[in-house]
Amino acid sequence: MDANIVIVEDEEDLLELLEYNLQKEGYETIGFLNTKTVVQILEEEDIDLLIMDRNLPGVEGSEFVGELREDGVDVPVIFLSAKDADEDIEEGFLKGGDDYITKPFNMKELLLRVKSILKRTSNKHSTETLTYRDLLLDNSSRTVSVAGKNVDVTKLEFDLLCEFIRNKHNVLERDYLLESVWGDSENYQYKTVNVAINRLKEKIDPDKTKEYIQTVRGVGYKLC
């Protein structure tokens, strides 16, 4: 089963062991010793599972996941923690965990639980295909093609382009885009939208001959 898995574990040896065993099973892994850049990865990449320690530098793991859930991030989470009291495990689930494994743990059991969660959640992805002019977006594979040629985009850029195509007859204000794509219109600036759209335009129209996305001065953007 192809899947992208983020692991947050502050014990470097354990992080390497987890990555090694998951990669042996065919998964792509991204490992972190803390949570500093995890939110950015979840926004920009298509992540299928998050394996999260709780005793982390700077932030408690379940608190971090709770904040993700409040921000609308629904990536499945397995807590992997030495906090093994009943109330700790209950707290992990209440904060948004999908599974909870206590340390020390059996690696085979972890791999089986990873496989089970991925199997359960893989069918949530829409098979919707979106088209506009010579753009083709396949939601099942999260791929974009322009005139039949695949273009490499981030998760954020894919979601942004989907939003434009689904609302192709409307002008989309920056506040709307921040709320619908970033999930937060209060803690991001309009510059965030401008930069992301310019980056997307460079990828789907590098020669600047097709002008898919037009700026509506003082308002926002629309497809054209």
Protein backbone atom coordinates (compact mmCIF):
# COMPACT_ATOMS: atom_id res chain seq x y z
CA MET A 1 0.00 0.00 0.00
CA ASP A 2 1.52 3.34 -1.08
CA ALA A 3 1.33 5.94 1.68
CA ASN A 4 3.19 8.97 2.99
CA ILE A 5 3.77 8.80 6.74
CA VAL A 6 5.07 11.59 9.00
CA ILE A 7 6.78 10.47 12.23
CA VAL A 8 7.42 12.85 15.12
CA GLU A 9 9.74 11.24 17.70
CA ASP A 10 12.44 13.00 19.73
CA GLU A 11 14.53 9.85 20.33
CA GLU A 12 16.71 9.82 17.23
CA ASP A 13 17.53 6.09 17.37
CA LEU A 14 13.86 5.17 17.65
CA LEU A 15 12.95 7.57 14.84
CA GLU A 16 15.51 5.89 12.56
CA LEU A 17 14.21 2.43 13.55
CA LEU A 18 10.62 3.42 12.78
CA GLU A 19 11.58 4.90 9.42
CA TYR A 20 13.61 1.82 8.50
CA ASN A 21 10.80 -0.62 9.27
CA LEU A 22 8.08 1.45 7.62
CA GLN A 23 10.18 1.95 4.49
CA LYS A 24 10.77 -1.81 4.36
CA GLU A 25 6.99 -2.16 4.10
CA GLY A 26 6.98 0.19 1.11
CA TYR A 27 5.87 3.39 2.82
CA GLU A 28 7.39 6.83 2.23
CA THR A 29 8.40 8.43 5.53
CA ILE A 30 9.29 11.93 6.74
CA GLY A 31 10.82 12.01 10.21
CA PHE A 32 10.99 14.90 12.68
CA LEU A 33 12.55 15.25 16.13
CA ASN A 34 10.07 18.03 17.03
CA THR A 35 6.90 19.67 15.66
CA LYS A 36 8.43 22.90 14.33
CA THR A 37 7.81 22.27 10.61
CA VAL A 38 5.16 19.54 10.79
CA VAL A 39 2.23 21.89 10.10
CA GLN A 40 3.93 23.15 6.94
CA ILE A 41 4.43 19.58 5.66
CA LEU A 42 0.80 18.71 6.37
CA GLU A 43 -0.32 21.80 4.43
CA GLU A 44 1.95 21.29 1.43
CA GLU A 45 2.16 17.51 1.04
CA ASP A 46 -0.42 14.74 0.77
CA ILE A 47 0.17 12.94 4.09
CA ASP A 48 -1.75 9.74 4.85
CA LEU A 49 -0.76 9.12 8.47
CA LEU A 50 0.92 10.88 11.40
CA ILE A 51 2.76 8.83 14.07
CA MET A 52 3.16 11.11 17.07
CA ASP A 53 5.10 10.86 20.31
CA ARG A 54 3.69 12.79 23.28
CA ASN A 55 6.80 13.71 25.25
CA LEU A 56 8.27 16.22 22.83
CA PRO A 57 10.46 19.31 23.28
CA GLY A 58 8.42 22.50 23.31
CA VAL A 59 4.96 20.99 22.96
CA GLU A 60 3.03 18.00 24.29
CA GLY A 61 2.08 15.70 21.41
CA SER A 62 -1.61 15.34 22.19
CA GLU A 63 -1.95 19.11 22.59
CA PHE A 64 -0.36 19.54 19.17
CA VAL A 65 -2.80 17.05 17.62
CA GLY A 66 -5.70 18.76 19.39
CA GLU A 67 -4.70 22.04 17.73
CA LEU A 68 -4.50 20.30 14.34
CA ARG A 69 -8.04 18.99 14.80
CA GLU A 70 -9.31 22.45 15.76
CA ASP A 71 -7.74 23.77 12.54
CA GLY A 72 -9.59 21.15 10.50
CA VAL A 73 -6.64 18.83 9.80
CA ASP A 74 -8.09 15.32 9.59
CA VAL A 75 -4.99 13.23 8.82
CA PRO A 76 -5.16 9.96 10.85
CA VAL A 77 -2.95 9.93 13.97
CA ILE A 78 -1.35 7.08 15.91
CA PHE A 79 0.07 8.10 19.28
CA LEU A 80 3.23 6.20 20.19
CA SER A 81 3.95 7.11 23.79
CA ALA A 82 5.42 6.05 27.12
CA LYS A 83 2.38 7.65 28.78
CA ASP A 84 0.52 4.42 29.46
CA ALA A 85 -1.97 5.21 32.24
CA ASP A 86 -5.63 4.72 31.38
CA GLU A 87 -6.30 8.45 31.66
CA ASP A 88 -3.35 9.18 29.32
CA ILE A 89 -4.69 6.83 26.68
CA GLU A 90 -8.20 8.27 27.03
CA GLU A 91 -6.78 11.79 26.68
CA GLY A 92 -4.98 10.77 23.47
CA PHE A 93 -8.23 9.64 21.88
CA LEU A 94 -10.12 12.69 23.13
CA LYS A 95 -7.51 14.97 21.55
CA GLY A 96 -8.08 13.37 18.15
CA GLY A 97 -5.96 10.22 18.04
CA ASP A 98 -7.16 7.32 15.90
CA ASP A 99 -5.02 4.74 17.72
CA TYR A 100 -2.73 4.62 20.74
CA ILE A 101 0.31 2.36 21.22
CA THR A 102 2.29 2.41 24.46
CA LYS A 103 6.07 2.09 24.75
CA PRO A 104 7.78 -0.34 24.80
CA PHE A 105 5.95 -1.73 21.79
CA ASN A 106 6.10 -4.60 19.33
CA MET A 107 7.17 -3.42 15.87
CA LYS A 108 5.05 -6.04 14.09
CA GLU A 109 1.99 -4.85 16.00
CA LEU A 110 2.73 -1.24 15.03
CA LEU A 111 3.02 -2.20 11.36
CA LEU A 112 -0.27 -4.10 11.50
CA ARG A 113 -2.03 -1.13 13.08
CA VAL A 114 -0.55 1.21 10.49
CA LYS A 115 -1.83 -1.06 7.73
CA SER A 116 -5.26 -1.28 9.34
CA ILE A 117 -5.68 2.50 9.69
CA LEU A 118 -4.48 3.17 6.15
CA LYS A 119 -6.88 0.56 4.76
CA ARG A 120 -9.75 2.09 6.71
CA THR A 121 -9.04 5.66 5.67
CA SER A 122 -7.89 5.17 2.07
CA ASN A 123 -11.44 5.04 0.75
CA LYS A 124 -12.20 8.55 2.02
CA HIS A 125 -10.44 10.13 -0.95
CA SER A 126 -12.82 11.28 -3.63
CA THR A 127 -12.58 9.80 -7.12
CA GLU A 128 -13.74 13.14 -8.48
CA THR A 129 -12.07 14.37 -11.67
CA LEU A 130 -12.11 18.10 -12.39
CA THR A 131 -11.46 19.69 -15.77
CA TYR A 132 -11.12 23.25 -17.00
CA ARG A 133 -9.82 24.16 -20.46
CA ASP A 134 -6.78 21.88 -20.83
CA LEU A 135 -6.38 21.32 -17.07
CA LEU A 136 -7.21 17.88 -15.63
CA LEU A 137 -7.21 17.22 -11.87
CA ASP A 138 -7.56 13.65 -10.60
CA ASN A 139 -8.54 13.70 -6.93
CA SER A 140 -7.92 9.98 -6.41
CA SER A 141 -4.25 10.28 -7.35
CA ARG A 142 -3.92 14.00 -6.47
CA THR A 143 -2.35 14.71 -9.86
CA VAL A 144 -2.59 17.68 -12.22
CA SER A 145 -1.99 17.60 -15.95
CA VAL A 146 -1.85 20.49 -18.41
CA ALA A 147 -2.55 19.58 -22.03
CA GLY A 148 -1.86 15.95 -21.14
CA LYS A 149 1.46 16.63 -19.40
CA ASN A 150 1.74 15.99 -15.65
CA VAL A 151 2.70 18.95 -13.48
CA ASP A 152 4.18 18.48 -10.01
CA VAL A 153 2.19 20.46 -7.43
CA THR A 154 2.04 20.46 -3.63
CA LYS A 155 -1.04 19.43 -1.65
CA LEU A 156 -1.79 23.09 -0.98
CA GLU A 157 -1.51 24.02 -4.67
CA PHE A 158 -3.73 21.08 -5.66
CA ASP A 159 -6.42 22.12 -3.16
CA LEU A 160 -6.17 25.73 -4.34
CA LEU A 161 -6.66 24.78 -7.99
CA CYS A 162 -9.59 22.52 -7.05
CA GLU A 163 -11.27 25.44 -5.31
CA PHE A 164 -10.92 27.62 -8.39
CA ILE A 165 -12.32 25.00 -10.75
CA ARG A 166 -15.26 24.18 -8.48
CA ASN A 167 -16.07 27.91 -8.42
CA LYS A 168 -15.06 28.72 -11.98
CA HIS A 169 -17.79 31.29 -12.53
CA ASN A 170 -17.11 33.23 -9.34
CA VAL A 171 -14.58 35.76 -8.11
CA LEU A 172 -12.94 34.24 -5.02
CA GLU A 173 -11.98 36.71 -2.32
CA ARG A 174 -8.75 36.18 -0.41
CA ASP A 175 -10.62 35.71 2.87
CA TYR A 176 -12.68 32.96 1.25
CA LEU A 177 -9.55 31.20 -0.03
CA LEU A 178 -7.85 31.44 3.35
CA GLU A 179 -10.88 29.90 5.01
CA SER A 180 -11.60 27.16 2.45
CA VAL A 181 -8.03 26.13 1.50
CA TRP A 182 -5.88 27.12 4.49
CA GLY A 183 -8.74 26.62 6.96
CA ASP A 184 -7.95 29.88 8.77
CA SER A 185 -8.71 33.42 7.66
CA GLU A 186 -7.52 35.06 10.88
CA ASN A 187 -3.92 33.95 11.30
CA TYR A 188 -2.77 34.24 7.69
CA GLN A 189 -2.12 37.37 5.64
CA TYR A 190 -3.33 38.12 2.12
CA LYS A 191 0.30 37.90 1.03
CA THR A 192 0.12 34.16 1.77
CA VAL A 193 -2.59 33.77 -0.88
CA ASN A 194 -0.78 35.97 -3.40
CA VAL A 195 2.48 34.04 -3.07
CA ALA A 196 0.75 30.65 -3.34
CA ILE A 197 -1.23 31.66 -6.43
CA ASN A 198 1.83 33.11 -8.15
CA ARG A 199 3.70 29.88 -7.45
CA LEU A 200 0.80 27.84 -8.83
CA LYS A 201 0.59 30.01 -11.96
CA GLU A 202 4.32 29.49 -12.59
CA LYS A 203 3.76 25.73 -12.59
CA ILE A 204 0.63 25.47 -14.75
CA ASP A 205 1.47 28.37 -17.09
CA PRO A 206 5.27 28.85 -17.12
CA ASP A 207 5.19 30.66 -20.47
CA LYS A 208 2.46 33.04 -19.25
CA THR A 209 0.45 32.41 -22.42
CA LYS A 210 -2.72 30.84 -20.98
CA GLU A 211 -3.62 33.16 -18.09
CA TYR A 212 -5.81 30.64 -16.25
CA ILE A 213 -6.08 32.77 -13.10
CA GLN A 214 -6.85 36.47 -13.27
CA THR A 215 -6.40 39.00 -10.49
CA VAL A 216 -9.50 41.08 -9.73
CA ARG A 217 -7.97 44.20 -8.24
CA GLY A 218 -9.06 44.90 -4.68
CA VAL A 219 -11.23 41.79 -4.53
CA GLY A 220 -9.46 38.49 -5.25
CA TYR A 221 -9.01 36.06 -8.12
CA LYS A 222 -11.05 34.17 -10.71
CA LEU A 223 -10.54 31.64 -13.49
CA CYS A 224 -10.61 33.04 -16.97
